[in-house]
């Protein structure tokens, strides 16, 4: 028998938020991991972001919810980064995530190690651009909107970031370096 509070969470006033979180938790955590380089920090970042977003959820339009939450995630990470400025040890792969994916993800744990090491050395803004542009597969315009900057800034940050990644010691001799193509 279903508990009345369980039904309220699904059908009640918070049901849209609950469904959004259930559907997007894994993707948000993955994005946060790529931004922070630490799985536990990523979970904390997503939880903090969602708790802040929840307060304003009734004003968020369903068609812009994804963008709204993603922007809040990036902004909260910026705040976290500014406050802490700590170098974190990076995990090789996300726990409970496969090292091999069918959609162009990491092929081996070595790929993941090398790429996370290189991403960890990028400045915060360049790292955010790379994560949003190439892992979230957002257009330059969407990244600019999310980060609150111009499309030109996104393109220049992507170009600089990819140049750094291509020459990073962890990737210099790695096959991934050849896959870091044109930033457009």
Protein backbone atom coordinates (compact mmCIF):
# COMPACT_ATOMS: atom_id res chain seq x y z
CA UNK A 1 0.00 0.00 0.00
CA UNK A 2 1.30 3.43 -0.93
CA UNK A 3 1.96 5.85 1.90
CA UNK A 4 -0.03 9.12 1.56
CA UNK A 5 3.17 11.19 1.67
CA UNK A 6 4.63 9.18 -1.23
CA UNK A 7 1.61 10.04 -3.35
CA UNK A 8 1.88 13.71 -2.37
CA UNK A 9 5.50 13.80 -3.58
CA UNK A 10 4.42 12.42 -6.97
CA UNK A 11 1.10 14.25 -7.39
CA UNK A 12 1.47 17.18 -5.00
CA UNK A 13 2.60 20.76 -5.44
CA UNK A 14 6.24 19.71 -5.76
CA UNK A 15 5.63 16.99 -8.33
CA UNK A 16 7.16 18.89 -11.27
CA UNK A 17 10.32 19.56 -9.28
CA UNK A 18 10.45 15.95 -8.05
CA UNK A 19 10.07 14.58 -11.59
CA UNK A 20 12.71 16.99 -12.93
CA UNK A 21 15.20 15.97 -10.25
CA UNK A 22 14.51 12.26 -10.78
CA UNK A 23 14.96 12.58 -14.54
CA UNK A 24 18.04 14.84 -14.48
CA UNK A 25 19.95 13.84 -11.33
CA UNK A 26 22.51 11.62 -13.07
CA UNK A 27 23.18 14.12 -15.88
CA UNK A 28 23.48 17.02 -13.44
CA UNK A 29 25.84 15.04 -11.22
CA UNK A 30 27.97 14.10 -14.24
CA UNK A 31 28.18 17.73 -15.35
CA UNK A 32 29.04 18.78 -11.80
CA UNK A 33 31.73 16.08 -11.65
CA UNK A 34 33.31 17.40 -14.82
CA UNK A 35 33.20 20.92 -13.36
CA UNK A 36 34.61 19.98 -9.94
CA UNK A 37 36.75 16.92 -10.65
CA UNK A 38 35.52 15.22 -7.49
CA UNK A 39 32.46 13.00 -7.22
CA UNK A 40 31.59 14.02 -3.64
CA UNK A 41 32.01 17.70 -4.44
CA UNK A 42 29.79 17.15 -7.50
CA UNK A 43 27.01 15.63 -5.42
CA UNK A 44 27.26 18.47 -2.92
CA UNK A 45 27.19 21.01 -5.75
CA UNK A 46 24.06 19.45 -7.28
CA UNK A 47 22.30 19.21 -3.92
CA UNK A 48 23.13 22.82 -3.06
CA UNK A 49 22.03 23.99 -6.48
CA UNK A 50 18.75 22.09 -6.35
CA UNK A 51 17.97 23.35 -2.85
CA UNK A 52 18.48 26.93 -4.07
CA UNK A 53 16.49 26.34 -7.26
CA UNK A 54 13.63 24.71 -5.34
CA UNK A 55 12.81 28.01 -3.61
CA UNK A 56 12.12 29.61 -7.01
CA UNK A 57 10.78 26.54 -8.84
CA UNK A 58 7.21 27.80 -9.20
CA UNK A 59 8.51 30.73 -11.26
CA UNK A 60 10.60 28.53 -13.56
CA UNK A 61 8.97 27.78 -16.90
CA UNK A 62 9.11 24.09 -17.90
CA UNK A 63 10.71 24.90 -21.26
CA UNK A 64 13.58 26.78 -19.56
CA UNK A 65 14.01 24.58 -16.49
CA UNK A 66 17.01 22.69 -17.87
CA UNK A 67 18.82 25.92 -18.77
CA UNK A 68 17.90 27.55 -15.45
CA UNK A 69 19.26 24.67 -13.38
CA UNK A 70 22.39 24.28 -15.51
CA UNK A 71 23.18 27.99 -15.16
CA UNK A 72 22.60 27.80 -11.39
CA UNK A 73 24.94 24.78 -11.27
CA UNK A 74 27.71 26.65 -13.08
CA UNK A 75 27.22 29.78 -10.96
CA UNK A 76 27.27 27.79 -7.72
CA UNK A 77 30.45 26.07 -8.89
CA UNK A 78 32.02 29.47 -9.54
CA UNK A 79 31.16 30.53 -6.01
CA UNK A 80 32.55 27.27 -4.62
CA UNK A 81 35.70 27.66 -6.69
CA UNK A 82 36.27 31.24 -5.59
CA UNK A 83 35.75 30.38 -1.93
CA UNK A 84 37.89 27.30 -1.75
CA UNK A 85 40.54 27.50 -4.48
CA UNK A 86 41.73 24.05 -3.47
CA UNK A 87 43.30 21.51 -5.77
CA UNK A 88 41.35 18.26 -5.53
CA UNK A 89 42.50 14.77 -6.24
CA UNK A 90 40.54 13.65 -9.27
CA UNK A 91 38.82 10.30 -9.46
CA UNK A 92 39.59 8.15 -12.48
CA UNK A 93 35.96 7.56 -13.41
CA UNK A 94 32.58 8.36 -11.98
CA UNK A 95 31.48 5.64 -9.59
CA UNK A 96 28.80 3.42 -11.11
CA UNK A 97 29.55 4.70 -14.61
CA UNK A 98 31.03 2.58 -17.35
CA UNK A 99 34.48 3.36 -18.69
CA UNK A 100 33.27 2.40 -22.15
CA UNK A 101 30.30 4.18 -23.71
CA UNK A 102 28.56 3.92 -27.05
CA UNK A 103 28.08 7.67 -27.44
CA UNK A 104 31.68 8.79 -27.79
CA UNK A 105 32.50 8.85 -24.08
CA UNK A 106 35.66 7.57 -22.47
CA UNK A 107 36.91 4.39 -24.04
CA UNK A 108 39.16 3.28 -21.18
CA UNK A 109 39.93 4.25 -17.62
CA UNK A 110 43.27 5.58 -18.91
CA UNK A 111 41.37 7.96 -21.22
CA UNK A 112 39.33 9.14 -18.28
CA UNK A 113 42.41 9.59 -16.06
CA UNK A 114 44.28 11.54 -18.71
CA UNK A 115 41.36 13.77 -19.58
CA UNK A 116 40.35 14.50 -15.98
CA UNK A 117 43.97 15.33 -15.14
CA UNK A 118 44.11 17.77 -18.06
CA UNK A 119 40.67 19.27 -17.30
CA UNK A 120 41.75 19.81 -13.70
CA UNK A 121 44.55 22.09 -14.87
CA UNK A 122 42.30 24.37 -16.93
CA UNK A 123 41.16 27.69 -15.47
CA UNK A 124 37.62 27.48 -14.06
CA UNK A 125 35.99 29.43 -16.93
CA UNK A 126 37.70 27.38 -19.66
CA UNK A 127 36.77 24.17 -17.89
CA UNK A 128 33.12 25.27 -17.71
CA UNK A 129 33.13 26.11 -21.44
CA UNK A 130 34.64 22.73 -22.36
CA UNK A 131 32.21 20.79 -20.16
CA UNK A 132 29.12 22.62 -21.39
CA UNK A 133 30.18 22.79 -25.04
CA UNK A 134 31.58 19.30 -25.56
CA UNK A 135 30.06 17.08 -22.85
CA UNK A 136 26.68 18.73 -22.56
CA UNK A 137 26.76 19.29 -26.34
CA UNK A 138 25.40 22.82 -26.06
CA UNK A 139 25.77 25.31 -28.88
CA UNK A 140 28.15 28.25 -28.42
CA UNK A 141 25.06 30.45 -28.03
CA UNK A 142 23.62 28.23 -25.27
CA UNK A 143 26.96 28.17 -23.44
CA UNK A 144 27.19 31.97 -23.70
CA UNK A 145 23.70 32.30 -22.28
CA UNK A 146 24.45 29.86 -19.47
CA UNK A 147 27.70 31.57 -18.51
CA UNK A 148 26.40 35.09 -19.06
CA UNK A 149 29.01 36.06 -21.62
CA UNK A 150 29.27 36.64 -25.37
CA UNK A 151 29.48 33.93 -28.03
CA UNK A 152 32.92 35.31 -28.94
CA UNK A 153 34.10 34.75 -25.37
CA UNK A 154 32.85 31.16 -25.48
CA UNK A 155 34.68 30.53 -28.75
CA UNK A 156 37.92 32.11 -27.56
CA UNK A 157 37.78 30.25 -24.22
CA UNK A 158 37.06 26.97 -26.05
CA UNK A 159 39.94 27.59 -28.44
CA UNK A 160 42.38 28.34 -25.61
CA UNK A 161 41.15 25.38 -23.58
CA UNK A 162 41.47 22.93 -26.46
CA UNK A 163 44.97 24.26 -27.24
CA UNK A 164 45.96 23.66 -23.59
CA UNK A 165 44.40 20.20 -23.61
CA UNK A 166 46.22 19.26 -26.83
CA UNK A 167 49.59 20.12 -25.26
CA UNK A 168 48.88 18.95 -21.72
CA UNK A 169 51.46 16.34 -20.62
CA UNK A 170 48.73 13.85 -19.70
CA UNK A 171 47.32 14.04 -23.23
CA UNK A 172 50.32 15.02 -25.38
CA UNK A 173 51.10 11.46 -26.46
CA UNK A 174 47.60 10.18 -25.87
CA UNK A 175 45.22 9.31 -28.73
CA UNK A 176 42.63 11.64 -27.18
CA UNK A 177 44.74 14.67 -28.17
CA UNK A 178 43.98 14.07 -31.84
CA UNK A 179 40.23 14.05 -31.04
CA UNK A 180 40.41 17.55 -29.56
CA UNK A 181 39.47 19.24 -32.80
CA UNK A 182 38.31 22.62 -33.94
CA UNK A 183 36.52 24.57 -31.16
CA UNK A 184 33.75 25.87 -33.43
